[in-house]
Protein backbone atom coordinates (compact mmCIF):
# COMPACT_ATOMS: atom_id res chain seq x y z
CA MET A 1 83.94 105.14 96.76
CA PHE A 2 84.49 103.83 100.24
CA ALA A 3 83.04 104.19 103.72
CA LEU A 4 85.16 105.26 106.64
CA PRO A 5 84.79 102.51 109.56
CA LYS A 6 82.34 103.72 112.02
CA ARG A 7 84.95 103.59 114.79
CA LEU A 8 87.35 105.97 112.87
CA THR A 9 84.38 108.42 112.13
CA ARG A 10 83.65 108.48 115.81
CA ALA A 11 87.10 108.93 116.78
CA LEU A 12 87.59 111.76 114.37
CA GLY A 13 84.18 113.43 115.27
CA LYS A 14 85.17 113.54 118.83
CA ALA A 15 88.81 114.57 118.72
CA SER A 16 90.02 117.53 120.21
CA SER A 17 92.02 120.41 118.47
CA ALA A 18 95.22 119.27 120.28
CA GLU A 19 94.66 115.55 119.09
CA LEU A 20 94.15 116.61 115.61
CA GLU A 21 97.25 118.79 115.73
CA GLU A 22 99.21 116.00 117.21
CA LEU A 23 97.89 113.63 114.37
CA ALA A 24 98.73 116.17 111.63
CA ASP A 25 102.31 116.42 113.15
CA ARG A 26 102.60 112.57 113.04
CA TRP A 27 101.16 112.46 109.52
CA ILE A 28 103.63 115.08 108.34
CA ALA A 29 106.79 113.44 109.82
CA ARG A 30 105.73 110.15 108.30
CA LEU A 31 105.17 111.81 104.82
CA ARG A 32 108.64 113.37 105.16
CA SER A 33 110.26 110.20 106.24
CA GLU A 34 108.76 108.41 103.22
CA ASP A 35 108.81 111.16 100.51
CA GLY A 36 111.53 113.49 101.65
CA ASP A 37 111.05 117.22 100.86
CA ASP A 38 108.85 116.20 97.96
CA MET A 39 105.65 115.81 100.25
CA THR A 40 102.43 117.40 99.64
CA ASP A 41 101.92 121.14 99.90
CA ASP A 42 98.42 120.65 101.32
CA ASP A 43 97.79 121.98 104.93
CA LEU A 44 97.54 118.57 106.54
CA LEU A 45 95.85 120.14 109.81
CA ALA A 46 93.20 121.98 107.72
CA VAL A 47 92.43 118.72 105.98
CA LEU A 48 92.10 116.86 109.22
CA GLN A 49 89.89 119.59 110.82
CA GLY A 50 87.60 119.65 107.78
CA VAL A 51 87.29 115.64 107.85
CA ALA A 52 86.84 115.92 111.72
CA TYR A 53 84.02 118.39 111.09
CA LEU A 54 82.26 116.28 108.58
CA ALA A 55 82.94 113.11 110.90
CA GLU A 56 81.33 115.05 113.90
CA SER A 57 78.27 115.90 111.69
CA ALA A 58 77.93 112.13 110.63
CA VAL A 59 78.01 110.93 114.15
CA ASN A 60 75.35 113.62 115.32
CA THR A 61 73.11 112.66 112.58
CA GLY A 62 73.65 108.89 112.54
CA GLY A 63 75.11 108.92 109.21
CA GLY A 64 78.36 107.70 107.78
CA LEU A 65 81.58 109.33 106.21
CA TYR A 66 82.49 108.37 102.69
CA SER A 67 85.32 109.35 100.29
CA TRP A 68 85.42 108.99 96.70
CA SER A 69 87.71 110.20 93.79
CA PHE A 70 87.48 110.48 89.96
């Protein structure tokens, strides 16, 4: 488990829809340049929007944003 930096959490929580779309486009371009056509099938904009929603909630409640995997 790791905590996202507070600065990143605030930036994601305050990002506009246009900023999230731009970030997703840059993320997709980078993945394609590194992995070619074998990139993920995930909807990266939807992932960013979900994380941004959680970040906004964390900022509004004074909490943090964490990630973990099994």
